[in-house]
Amino acid sequence: MDGHKVAERLGRLVGHSYRKDTVFHTDSLALNGLLDRRWPKPAEQMPWNFAVPGRGHDVAWWTALMRSLASSRVRVVSIEHEDPFVPPEIGIPEAARLLSTSIEAAQEVTT
């Protein structure tokens, strides 16, 4: 699903939103497809993995998502850390910085 399209379509119906990113590995994806039955291990061989926000999509992508959620009821941004390659002690602060930047940028555009 495209989070931007879903947020735009559902608008005020969205009440909760969790933030995590996804990284796609082209060679493995081409060979094994999105529904690789081994998920989530071995992580280094999977066609895709969850990632710290910002490691799969850049700040512009996240800012656009925040703008798409502007009409929703979402008031809390929850970071869901599932990156198999980054310890939570590194990933959560990194995600918080990126998301804070994207929220501020989205608010500048909408105000």
PDB file of N, CA and C in Angstrom:
ATOM      1  N   MET A   1       0.841  -1.177   0.000  1.00  0.00           N
ATOM      2  CA  MET A   1       0.000   0.000   0.000  1.00  0.00           C
ATOM      3  C   MET A   1       0.886   1.240   0.000  1.00  0.00           C
ATOM      4  N   ASP A   2       0.416   2.269  -0.613  1.00  0.00           N
ATOM      5  CA  ASP A   2       1.108   3.552  -0.629  1.00  0.00           C
ATOM      6  C   ASP A   2       0.534   4.390   0.514  1.00  0.00           C
ATOM      7  N   GLY A   3       1.342   4.588   1.550  1.00  0.00           N
ATOM      8  CA  GLY A   3       0.887   5.321   2.732  1.00  0.00           C
ATOM      9  C   GLY A   3       0.338   6.694   2.423  1.00  0.00           C
ATOM     10  N   HIS A   4       0.909   7.362   1.434  1.00  0.00           N
ATOM     11  CA  HIS A   4       0.429   8.689   1.052  1.00  0.00           C
ATOM     12  C   HIS A   4      -0.993   8.615   0.510  1.00  0.00           C
ATOM     13  N   LYS A   5      -1.224   7.673  -0.389  1.00  0.00           N
ATOM     14  CA  LYS A   5      -2.560   7.529  -0.995  1.00  0.00           C
ATOM     15  C   LYS A   5      -3.597   7.122   0.046  1.00  0.00           C
ATOM     16  N   VAL A   6      -3.223   6.206   0.931  1.00  0.00           N
ATOM     17  CA  VAL A   6      -4.146   5.760   1.977  1.00  0.00           C
ATOM     18  C   VAL A   6      -4.509   6.936   2.883  1.00  0.00           C
ATOM     19  N   ALA A   7      -3.512   7.705   3.304  1.00  0.00           N
ATOM     20  CA  ALA A   7      -3.761   8.857   4.186  1.00  0.00           C
ATOM     21  C   ALA A   7      -4.643   9.891   3.497  1.00  0.00           C
ATOM     22  N   GLU A   8      -4.379  10.150   2.229  1.00  0.00           N
ATOM     23  CA  GLU A   8      -5.196  11.113   1.483  1.00  0.00           C
ATOM     24  C   GLU A   8      -6.638  10.642   1.366  1.00  0.00           C
ATOM     25  N   ARG A   9      -6.820   9.357   1.091  1.00  0.00           N
ATOM     26  CA  ARG A   9      -8.171   8.822   0.889  1.00  0.00           C
ATOM     27  C   ARG A   9      -8.962   8.750   2.191  1.00  0.00           C
ATOM     28  N   LEU A  10      -8.309   8.310   3.273  1.00  0.00           N
ATOM     29  CA  LEU A  10      -9.024   8.105   4.533  1.00  0.00           C
ATOM     30  C   LEU A  10      -9.149   9.371   5.382  1.00  0.00           C
ATOM     31  N   GLY A  11      -8.212  10.309   5.231  1.00  0.00           N
ATOM     32  CA  GLY A  11      -8.291  11.592   5.929  1.00  0.00           C
ATOM     33  C   GLY A  11      -8.617  11.470   7.405  1.00  0.00           C
ATOM     34  N   ARG A  12      -9.749  12.020   7.813  1.00  0.00           N
ATOM     35  CA  ARG A  12     -10.153  12.070   9.227  1.00  0.00           C
ATOM     36  C   ARG A  12     -10.393  10.696   9.838  1.00  0.00           C
ATOM     37  N   LEU A  13     -10.504   9.666   9.045  1.00  0.00           N
ATOM     38  CA  LEU A  13     -10.724   8.323   9.581  1.00  0.00           C
ATOM     39  C   LEU A  13      -9.459   7.736  10.208  1.00  0.00           C
ATOM     40  N   VAL A  14      -8.309   8.293   9.865  1.00  0.00           N
ATOM     41  CA  VAL A  14      -7.043   7.790  10.403  1.00  0.00           C
ATOM     42  C   VAL A  14      -6.879   8.317  11.820  1.00  0.00           C
ATOM     43  N   GLY A  15      -6.751   7.388  12.774  1.00  0.00           N
ATOM     44  CA  GLY A  15      -6.604   7.778  14.170  1.00  0.00           C
ATOM     45  C   GLY A  15      -5.259   7.424  14.763  1.00  0.00           C
ATOM     46  N   HIS A  16      -4.571   6.471  14.166  1.00  0.00           N
ATOM     47  CA  HIS A  16      -3.265   6.028  14.666  1.00  0.00           C
ATOM     48  C   HIS A  16      -2.326   5.846  13.479  1.00  0.00           C
ATOM     49  N   SER A  17      -1.059   6.107  13.720  1.00  0.00           N
ATOM     50  CA  SER A  17      -0.076   5.942  12.655  1.00  0.00           C
ATOM     51  C   SER A  17       1.272   5.617  13.273  1.00  0.00           C
ATOM     52  N   TYR A  18       1.855   4.547  12.813  1.00  0.00           N
ATOM     53  CA  TYR A  18       3.159   4.117  13.305  1.00  0.00           C
ATOM     54  C   TYR A  18       4.202   4.400  12.240  1.00  0.00           C
ATOM     55  N   ARG A  19       5.397   4.758  12.685  1.00  0.00           N
ATOM     56  CA  ARG A  19       6.452   5.094  11.739  1.00  0.00           C
ATOM     57  C   ARG A  19       7.553   4.045  11.751  1.00  0.00           C
ATOM     58  N   LYS A  20       7.712   3.413  10.608  1.00  0.00           N
ATOM     59  CA  LYS A  20       8.856   2.561  10.332  1.00  0.00           C
ATOM     60  C   LYS A  20       9.050   2.625   8.833  1.00  0.00           C
ATOM     61  N   ASP A  21      10.196   2.254   8.377  1.00  0.00           N
ATOM     62  CA  ASP A  21      10.516   2.377   6.962  1.00  0.00           C
ATOM     63  C   ASP A  21      10.741   0.989   6.389  1.00  0.00           C
ATOM     64  N   THR A  22      10.911   0.924   5.090  1.00  0.00           N
ATOM     65  CA  THR A  22      11.166  -0.328   4.395  1.00  0.00           C
ATOM     66  C   THR A  22      12.284  -0.119   3.387  1.00  0.00           C
ATOM     67  N   VAL A  23      13.184  -1.071   3.327  1.00  0.00           N
ATOM     68  CA  VAL A  23      14.253  -1.064   2.335  1.00  0.00           C
ATOM     69  C   VAL A  23      14.044  -2.290   1.451  1.00  0.00           C
ATOM     70  N   PHE A  24      14.052  -2.074   0.146  1.00  0.00           N
ATOM     71  CA  PHE A  24      13.912  -3.166  -0.807  1.00  0.00           C
ATOM     72  C   PHE A  24      15.282  -3.508  -1.384  1.00  0.00           C
ATOM     73  N   HIS A  25      15.582  -4.794  -1.474  1.00  0.00           N
ATOM     74  CA  HIS A  25      16.846  -5.288  -2.006  1.00  0.00           C
ATOM     75  C   HIS A  25      16.570  -5.860  -3.396  1.00  0.00           C
ATOM     76  N   THR A  26      16.940  -5.113  -4.408  1.00  0.00           N
ATOM     77  CA  THR A  26      16.554  -5.377  -5.796  1.00  0.00           C
ATOM     78  C   THR A  26      16.824  -6.805  -6.259  1.00  0.00           C
ATOM     79  N   ASP A  27      18.035  -7.300  -6.061  1.00  0.00           N
ATOM     80  CA  ASP A  27      18.378  -8.635  -6.561  1.00  0.00           C
ATOM     81  C   ASP A  27      17.551  -9.723  -5.884  1.00  0.00           C
ATOM     82  N   SER A  28      17.434  -9.654  -4.575  1.00  0.00           N
ATOM     83  CA  SER A  28      16.653 -10.651  -3.840  1.00  0.00           C
ATOM     84  C   SER A  28      15.158 -10.520  -4.148  1.00  0.00           C
ATOM     85  N   LEU A  29      14.710  -9.293  -4.314  1.00  0.00           N
ATOM     86  CA  LEU A  29      13.305  -9.052  -4.649  1.00  0.00           C
ATOM     87  C   LEU A  29      12.966  -9.669  -6.006  1.00  0.00           C
ATOM     88  N   ALA A  30      13.853  -9.486  -6.977  1.00  0.00           N
ATOM     89  CA  ALA A  30      13.632 -10.044  -8.317  1.00  0.00           C
ATOM     90  C   ALA A  30      13.591 -11.566  -8.295  1.00  0.00           C
ATOM     91  N   LEU A  31      14.386 -12.165  -7.437  1.00  0.00           N
ATOM     92  CA  LEU A  31      14.471 -13.618  -7.372  1.00  0.00           C
ATOM     93  C   LEU A  31      13.376 -14.232  -6.496  1.00  0.00           C
ATOM     94  N   ASN A  32      13.102 -13.627  -5.343  1.00  0.00           N
ATOM     95  CA  ASN A  32      12.215 -14.238  -4.351  1.00  0.00           C
ATOM     96  C   ASN A  32      10.846 -13.581  -4.202  1.00  0.00           C
ATOM     97  N   GLY A  33      10.678 -12.374  -4.712  1.00  0.00           N
ATOM     98  CA  GLY A  33       9.396 -11.681  -4.622  1.00  0.00           C
ATOM     99  C   GLY A  33       9.136 -11.099  -3.246  1.00  0.00           C
ATOM    100  N   LEU A  34       8.077 -10.319  -3.147  1.00  0.00           N
ATOM    101  CA  LEU A  34       7.728  -9.657  -1.884  1.00  0.00           C
ATOM    102  C   LEU A  34       7.279 -10.632  -0.801  1.00  0.00           C
ATOM    103  N   LEU A  35       6.682 -11.728  -1.187  1.00  0.00           N
ATOM    104  CA  LEU A  35       6.105 -12.654  -0.219  1.00  0.00           C
ATOM    105  C   LEU A  35       7.023 -13.823   0.106  1.00  0.00           C
ATOM    106  N   ASP A  36       8.296 -13.561   0.162  1.00  0.00           N
ATOM    107  CA  ASP A  36       9.275 -14.596   0.504  1.00  0.00           C
ATOM    108  C   ASP A  36       8.860 -15.253   1.822  1.00  0.00           C
ATOM    109  N   ARG A  37       8.664 -16.542   1.826  1.00  0.00           N
ATOM    110  CA  ARG A  37       8.129 -17.264   2.997  1.00  0.00           C
ATOM    111  C   ARG A  37       9.097 -17.357   4.163  1.00  0.00           C
ATOM    112  N   ARG A  38      10.362 -17.001   3.966  1.00  0.00           N
ATOM    113  CA  ARG A  38      11.347 -17.072   5.046  1.00  0.00           C
ATOM    114  C   ARG A  38      11.310 -15.856   5.958  1.00  0.00           C
ATOM    115  N   TRP A  39      10.550 -14.852   5.596  1.00  0.00           N
ATOM    116  CA  TRP A  39      10.572 -13.593   6.326  1.00  0.00           C
ATOM    117  C   TRP A  39      10.384 -13.832   7.805  1.00  0.00           C
ATOM    118  N   PRO A  40      11.125 -13.193   8.655  1.00  0.00           N
ATOM    119  CA  PRO A  40      12.106 -12.131   8.431  1.00  0.00           C
ATOM    120  C   PRO A  40      13.555 -12.611   8.465  1.00  0.00           C
ATOM    121  N   LYS A  41      13.813 -13.901   8.432  1.00  0.00           N
ATOM    122  CA  LYS A  41      15.194 -14.370   8.534  1.00  0.00           C
ATOM    123  C   LYS A  41      15.530 -15.297   7.380  1.00  0.00           C
ATOM    124  N   PRO A  42      16.733 -15.267   6.909  1.00  0.00           N
ATOM    125  CA  PRO A  42      17.855 -14.432   7.332  1.00  0.00           C
ATOM    126  C   PRO A  42      17.741 -13.021   6.748  1.00  0.00           C
ATOM    127  N   ALA A  43      17.800 -12.023   7.595  1.00  0.00           N
ATOM    128  CA  ALA A  43      17.557 -10.629   7.219  1.00  0.00           C
ATOM    129  C   ALA A  43      18.402 -10.178   6.038  1.00  0.00           C
ATOM    130  N   GLU A  44      19.663 -10.558   6.011  1.00  0.00           N
ATOM    131  CA  GLU A  44      20.556 -10.097   4.943  1.00  0.00           C
ATOM    132  C   GLU A  44      20.225 -10.705   3.586  1.00  0.00           C
ATOM    133  N   GLN A  45      19.366 -11.712   3.545  1.00  0.00           N
ATOM    134  CA  GLN A  45      18.998 -12.339   2.272  1.00  0.00           C
ATOM    135  C   GLN A  45      17.564 -12.032   1.848  1.00  0.00           C
ATOM    136  N   MET A  46      16.849 -11.280   2.646  1.00  0.00           N
ATOM    137  CA  MET A  46      15.442 -11.028   2.365  1.00  0.00           C
ATOM    138  C   MET A  46      15.253 -10.004   1.247  1.00  0.00           C
ATOM    139  N   PRO A  47      14.128 -10.082   0.524  1.00  0.00           N
ATOM    140  CA  PRO A  47      13.861  -9.107  -0.532  1.00  0.00           C
ATOM    141  C   PRO A  47      13.573  -7.709   0.015  1.00  0.00           C
ATOM    142  N   TRP A  48      13.168  -7.651   1.265  1.00  0.00           N
ATOM    143  CA  TRP A  48      12.912  -6.361   1.902  1.00  0.00           C
ATOM    144  C   TRP A  48      13.048  -6.521   3.408  1.00  0.00           C
ATOM    145  N   ASN A  49      13.296  -5.408   4.068  1.00  0.00           N
ATOM    146  CA  ASN A  49      13.379  -5.386   5.529  1.00  0.00           C
ATOM    147  C   ASN A  49      12.752  -4.107   6.040  1.00  0.00           C
ATOM    148  N   PHE A  50      12.229  -4.182   7.260  1.00  0.00           N
ATOM    149  CA  PHE A  50      11.850  -2.950   7.931  1.00  0.00           C
ATOM    150  C   PHE A  50      13.134  -2.193   8.239  1.00  0.00           C
ATOM    151  N   ALA A  51      13.034  -0.883   8.306  1.00  0.00           N
ATOM    152  CA  ALA A  51      14.224  -0.062   8.515  1.00  0.00           C
ATOM    153  C   ALA A  51      13.882   1.151   9.376  1.00  0.00           C
ATOM    154  N   VAL A  52      14.900   1.740   9.923  1.00  0.00           N
ATOM    155  CA  VAL A  52      14.756   2.998  10.647  1.00  0.00           C
ATOM    156  C   VAL A  52      14.216   4.033   9.657  1.00  0.00           C
ATOM    157  N   PRO A  53      13.189   4.805  10.044  1.00  0.00           N
ATOM    158  CA  PRO A  53      12.711   5.862   9.151  1.00  0.00           C
ATOM    159  C   PRO A  53      13.862   6.740   8.669  1.00  0.00           C
ATOM    160  N   GLY A  54      13.926   6.916   7.361  1.00  0.00           N
ATOM    161  CA  GLY A  54      14.996   7.682   6.753  1.00  0.00           C
ATOM    162  C   GLY A  54      16.000   6.812   6.033  1.00  0.00           C
ATOM    163  N   ARG A  55      16.019   5.540   6.346  1.00  0.00           N
ATOM    164  CA  ARG A  55      16.969   4.634   5.687  1.00  0.00           C
ATOM    165  C   ARG A  55      16.363   3.983   4.440  1.00  0.00           C
ATOM    166  N   GLY A  56      15.068   4.085   4.297  1.00  0.00           N
ATOM    167  CA  GLY A  56      14.403   3.575   3.097  1.00  0.00           C
ATOM    168  C   GLY A  56      13.852   4.706   2.245  1.00  0.00           C
ATOM    169  N   HIS A  57      13.340   5.735   2.900  1.00  0.00           N
ATOM    170  CA  HIS A  57      12.781   6.905   2.219  1.00  0.00           C
ATOM    171  C   HIS A  57      13.374   8.159   2.859  1.00  0.00           C
ATOM    172  N   ASP A  58      13.605   9.165   2.043  1.00  0.00           N
ATOM    173  CA  ASP A  58      14.254  10.377   2.543  1.00  0.00           C
ATOM    174  C   ASP A  58      13.269  11.315   3.254  1.00  0.00           C
ATOM    175  N   VAL A  59      13.793  12.406   3.783  1.00  0.00           N
ATOM    176  CA  VAL A  59      12.984  13.343   4.567  1.00  0.00           C
ATOM    177  C   VAL A  59      11.859  13.949   3.726  1.00  0.00           C
ATOM    178  N   ALA A  60      12.075  14.134   2.429  1.00  0.00           N
ATOM    179  CA  ALA A  60      11.021  14.679   1.570  1.00  0.00           C
ATOM    180  C   ALA A  60       9.828  13.721   1.501  1.00  0.00           C
ATOM    181  N   TRP A  61      10.108  12.429   1.435  1.00  0.00           N
ATOM    182  CA  TRP A  61       9.038  11.419   1.411  1.00  0.00           C
ATOM    183  C   TRP A  61       8.241  11.472   2.707  1.00  0.00           C
ATOM    184  N   TRP A  62       8.962  11.547   3.833  1.00  0.00           N
ATOM    185  CA  TRP A  62       8.296  11.592   5.138  1.00  0.00           C
ATOM    186  C   TRP A  62       7.522  12.888   5.332  1.00  0.00           C
ATOM    187  N   THR A  63       8.051  13.997   4.826  1.00  0.00           N
ATOM    188  CA  THR A  63       7.344  15.274   4.913  1.00  0.00           C
ATOM    189  C   THR A  63       6.044  15.213   4.136  1.00  0.00           C
ATOM    190  N   ALA A  64       6.093  14.621   2.942  1.00  0.00           N
ATOM    191  CA  ALA A  64       4.877  14.467   2.140  1.00  0.00           C
ATOM    192  C   ALA A  64       3.856  13.592   2.862  1.00  0.00           C
ATOM    193  N   LEU A  65       4.317  12.545   3.543  1.00  0.00           N
ATOM    194  CA  LEU A  65       3.394  11.702   4.302  1.00  0.00           C
ATOM    195  C   LEU A  65       2.760  12.496   5.439  1.00  0.00           C
ATOM    196  N   MET A  66       3.550  13.289   6.132  1.00  0.00           N
ATOM    197  CA  MET A  66       3.007  14.109   7.225  1.00  0.00           C
ATOM    198  C   MET A  66       1.963  15.081   6.685  1.00  0.00           C
ATOM    199  N   ARG A  67       2.215  15.635   5.504  1.00  0.00           N
ATOM    200  CA  ARG A  67       1.231  16.527   4.888  1.00  0.00           C
ATOM    201  C   ARG A  67      -0.050  15.770   4.558  1.00  0.00           C
ATOM    202  N   SER A  68       0.101  14.535   4.072  1.00  0.00           N
ATOM    203  CA  SER A  68      -1.070  13.715   3.737  1.00  0.00           C
ATOM    204  C   SER A  68      -1.903  13.402   4.967  1.00  0.00           C
ATOM    205  N   LEU A  69      -1.249  13.343   6.125  1.00  0.00           N
ATOM    206  CA  LEU A  69      -1.952  13.046   7.376  1.00  0.00           C
ATOM    207  C   LEU A  69      -2.471  14.302   8.081  1.00  0.00           C
ATOM    208  N   ALA A  70      -2.297  15.472   7.478  1.00  0.00           N
ATOM    209  CA  ALA A  70      -2.671  16.730   8.124  1.00  0.00           C
ATOM    210  C   ALA A  70      -4.156  16.781   8.493  1.00  0.00           C
ATOM    211  N   SER A  71      -5.016  16.179   7.698  1.00  0.00           N
ATOM    212  CA  SER A  71      -6.450  16.219   7.989  1.00  0.00           C
ATOM    213  C   SER A  71      -6.908  15.061   8.874  1.00  0.00           C
ATOM    214  N   SER A  72      -5.978  14.204   9.273  1.00  0.00           N
ATOM    215  CA  SER A  72      -6.332  13.042  10.100  1.00  0.00           C
ATOM    216  C   SER A  72      -6.452  13.436  11.568  1.00  0.00           C
ATOM    217  N   ARG A  73      -6.783  12.461  12.397  1.00  0.00           N
ATOM    218  CA  ARG A  73      -6.847  12.669  13.843  1.00  0.00           C
ATOM    219  C   ARG A  73      -5.547  12.275  14.528  1.00  0.00           C
ATOM    220  N   VAL A  74      -4.517  11.953  13.760  1.00  0.00           N
ATOM    221  CA  VAL A  74      -3.231  11.529  14.319  1.00  0.00           C
ATOM    222  C   VAL A  74      -2.567  12.721  15.002  1.00  0.00           C
ATOM    223  N   ARG A  75      -2.292  12.569  16.286  1.00  0.00           N
ATOM    224  CA  ARG A  75      -1.616  13.617  17.053  1.00  0.00           C
ATOM    225  C   ARG A  75      -0.343  13.095  17.707  1.00  0.00           C
ATOM    226  N   VAL A  76      -0.143  11.791  17.668  1.00  0.00           N
ATOM    227  CA  VAL A  76       1.042  11.163  18.249  1.00  0.00           C
ATOM    228  C   VAL A  76       1.725  10.350  17.153  1.00  0.00           C
ATOM    229  N   VAL A  77       3.025  10.521  17.038  1.00  0.00           N
ATOM    230  CA  VAL A  77       3.811   9.745  16.074  1.00  0.00           C
ATOM    231  C   VAL A  77       4.562   8.679  16.859  1.00  0.00           C
ATOM    232  N   SER A  78       4.250   7.434  16.594  1.00  0.00           N
ATOM    233  CA  SER A  78       4.891   6.318  17.286  1.00  0.00           C
ATOM    234  C   SER A  78       5.953   5.695  16.388  1.00  0.00           C
ATOM    235  N   ILE A  79       7.151   5.563  16.919  1.00  0.00           N
ATOM    236  CA  ILE A  79       8.234   4.924  16.175  1.00  0.00           C
ATOM    237  C   ILE A  79       8.207   3.437  16.498  1.00  0.00           C
ATOM    238  N   GLU A  80       8.124   2.624  15.457  1.00  0.00           N
ATOM    239  CA  GLU A  80       8.119   1.181  15.635  1.00  0.00           C
ATOM    240  C   GLU A  80       9.452   0.656  15.099  1.00  0.00           C
ATOM    241  N   HIS A  81      10.350   0.309  15.987  1.00  0.00           N
ATOM    242  CA  HIS A  81      11.705  -0.099  15.580  1.00  0.00           C
ATOM    243  C   HIS A  81      11.748  -1.595  15.297  1.00  0.00           C
ATOM    244  N   GLU A  82      11.948  -1.939  14.024  1.00  0.00           N
ATOM    245  CA  GLU A  82      12.079  -3.339  13.625  1.00  0.00           C
ATOM    246  C   GLU A  82      13.252  -3.552  12.692  1.00  0.00           C
ATOM    247  N   ASP A  83      14.175  -2.603  12.636  1.00  0.00           N
ATOM    248  CA  ASP A  83      15.327  -2.720  11.750  1.00  0.00           C
ATOM    249  C   ASP A  83      16.267  -3.794  12.293  1.00  0.00           C
ATOM    250  N   PRO A  84      16.499  -4.882  11.525  1.00  0.00           N
ATOM    251  CA  PRO A  84      17.344  -5.960  12.035  1.00  0.00           C
ATOM    252  C   PRO A  84      18.844  -5.629  12.028  1.00  0.00           C
ATOM    253  N   PHE A  85      19.213  -4.501  11.412  1.00  0.00           N
ATOM    254  CA  PHE A  85      20.622  -4.160  11.273  1.00  0.00           C
ATOM    255  C   PHE A  85      21.068  -2.997  12.166  1.00  0.00           C
ATOM    256  N   VAL A  86      20.128  -2.331  12.827  1.00  0.00           N
ATOM    257  CA  VAL A  86      20.447  -1.148  13.628  1.00  0.00           C
ATOM    258  C   VAL A  86      19.928  -1.357  15.049  1.00  0.00           C
ATOM    259  N   PRO A  87      20.798  -1.229  16.054  1.00  0.00           N
ATOM    260  CA  PRO A  87      20.323  -1.357  17.435  1.00  0.00           C
ATOM    261  C   PRO A  87      19.335  -0.238  17.773  1.00  0.00           C
ATOM    262  N   PRO A  88      18.333  -0.533  18.608  1.00  0.00           N
ATOM    263  CA  PRO A  88      17.342   0.473  18.974  1.00  0.00           C
ATOM    264  C   PRO A  88      17.952   1.746  19.557  1.00  0.00           C
ATOM    265  N   GLU A  89      19.058   1.617  20.271  1.00  0.00           N
ATOM    266  CA  GLU A  89      19.691   2.783  20.893  1.00  0.00           C
ATOM    267  C   GLU A  89      20.188   3.782  19.848  1.00  0.00           C
ATOM    268  N   ILE A  90      20.439   3.300  18.649  1.00  0.00           N
ATOM    269  CA  ILE A  90      20.866   4.170  17.550  1.00  0.00           C
ATOM    270  C   ILE A  90      19.663   4.545  16.673  1.00  0.00           C
ATOM    271  N   GLY A  91      18.837   3.563  16.355  1.00  0.00           N
ATOM    272  CA  GLY A  91      17.740   3.768  15.421  1.00  0.00           C
ATOM    273  C   GLY A  91      16.628   4.670  15.913  1.00  0.00           C
ATOM    274  N   ILE A  92      16.256   4.552  17.172  1.00  0.00           N
ATOM    275  CA  ILE A  92      15.134   5.356  17.673  1.00  0.00           C
ATOM    276  C   ILE A  92      15.471   6.841  17.703  1.00  0.00           C
ATOM    277  N   PRO A  93      16.628   7.253  18.247  1.00  0.00           N
ATOM    278  CA  PRO A  93      16.955   8.686  18.178  1.00  0.00           C
ATOM    279  C   PRO A  93      17.098   9.192  16.730  1.00  0.00           C
ATOM    280  N   GLU A  94      17.655   8.357  15.866  1.00  0.00           N
ATOM    281  CA  GLU A  94      17.797   8.730  14.455  1.00  0.00           C
ATOM    282  C   GLU A  94      16.423   8.954  13.829  1.00  0.00           C
ATOM    283  N   ALA A  95      15.501   8.038  14.097  1.00  0.00           N
ATOM    284  CA  ALA A  95      14.137   8.169  13.571  1.00  0.00           C
ATOM    285  C   ALA A  95      13.459   9.407  14.142  1.00  0.00           C
ATOM    286  N   ALA A  96      13.637   9.658  15.422  1.00  0.00           N
ATOM    287  CA  ALA A  96      13.012  10.823  16.061  1.00  0.00           C
ATOM    288  C   ALA A  96      13.491  12.120  15.416  1.00  0.00           C
ATOM    289  N   ARG A  97      14.783  12.209  15.116  1.00  0.00           N
ATOM    290  CA  ARG A  97      15.312  13.423  14.470  1.00  0.00           C
ATOM    291  C   ARG A  97      14.703  13.609  13.077  1.00  0.00           C
ATOM    292  N   LEU A  98      14.670  12.548  12.289  1.00  0.00           N
ATOM    293  CA  LEU A  98      14.123  12.639  10.939  1.00  0.00           C
ATOM    294  C   LEU A  98      12.636  12.998  10.985  1.00  0.00           C
ATOM    295  N   LEU A  99      11.894  12.336  11.850  1.00  0.00           N
ATOM    296  CA  LEU A  99      10.456  12.584  11.912  1.00  0.00           C
ATOM    297  C   LEU A  99      10.147  13.982  12.434  1.00  0.00           C
ATOM    298  N   SER A 100      10.930  14.449  13.389  1.00  0.00           N
ATOM    299  CA  SER A 100      10.753  15.807  13.891  1.00  0.00           C
ATOM    300  C   SER A 100      10.966  16.821  12.767  1.00  0.00           C
ATOM    301  N   THR A 101      12.012  16.617  11.988  1.00  0.00           N
ATOM    302  CA  THR A 101      12.301  17.494  10.849  1.00  0.00           C
ATOM    303  C   THR A 101      11.155  17.474   9.845  1.00  0.00           C
ATOM    304  N   SER A 102      10.640  16.278   9.552  1.00  0.00           N
ATOM    305  CA  SER A 102       9.580  16.166   8.562  1.00  0.00           C
ATOM    306  C   SER A 102       8.257  16.754   9.064  1.00  0.00           C
ATOM    307  N   ILE A 103       7.983  16.624  10.353  1.00  0.00           N
ATOM    308  CA  ILE A 103       6.768  17.217  10.923  1.00  0.00           C
ATOM    309  C   ILE A 103       6.847  18.735  10.853  1.00  0.00           C
ATOM    310  N   GLU A 104       7.996  19.287  11.228  1.00  0.00           N
ATOM    311  CA  GLU A 104       8.170  20.738  11.157  1.00  0.00           C
ATOM    312  C   GLU A 104       8.045  21.241   9.736  1.00  0.00           C
ATOM    313  N   ALA A 105       8.645  20.551   8.777  1.00  0.00           N
ATOM    314  CA  ALA A 105       8.573  20.960   7.384  1.00  0.00           C
ATOM    315  C   ALA A 105       7.144  20.875   6.862  1.00  0.00           C
ATOM    316  N   ALA A 106       6.413  19.839   7.246  1.00  0.00           N
ATOM    317  CA  ALA A 106       5.019  19.695   6.807  1.00  0.00           C
ATOM    318  C   ALA A 106       4.151  20.797   7.388  1.00  0.00           C
ATOM    319  N   GLN A 107       4.389  21.189   8.635  1.00  0.00           N
ATOM    320  CA  GLN A 107       3.617  22.246   9.275  1.00  0.00           C
ATOM    321  C   GLN A 107       3.901  23.602   8.638  1.00  0.00           C
ATOM    322  N   GLU A 108       5.136  23.841   8.211  1.00  0.00           N
ATOM    323  CA  GLU A 108       5.465  25.101   7.544  1.00  0.00           C
ATOM    324  C   GLU A 108       4.694  25.261   6.258  1.00  0.00           C
ATOM    325  N   VAL A 109       4.519  24.166   5.535  1.00  0.00           N
ATOM    326  CA  VAL A 109       3.834  24.217   4.254  1.00  0.00           C
ATOM    327  C   VAL A 109       2.330  24.375   4.446  1.00  0.00           C
ATOM    328  N   THR A 110       1.762  23.753   5.489  1.00  0.00           N
ATOM    329  CA  THR A 110       0.314  23.771   5.674  1.00  0.00           C
ATOM    330  C   THR A 110      -0.174  24.981   6.455  1.00  0.00           C
ATOM    331  N   THR A 111       0.720  25.759   7.063  1.00  0.00           N
ATOM    332  CA  THR A 111       0.255  26.936   7.818  1.00  0.00           C
ATOM    333  C   THR A 111       0.436  28.208   7.049  1.00  0.00           C
TER     334      THR A 111
END
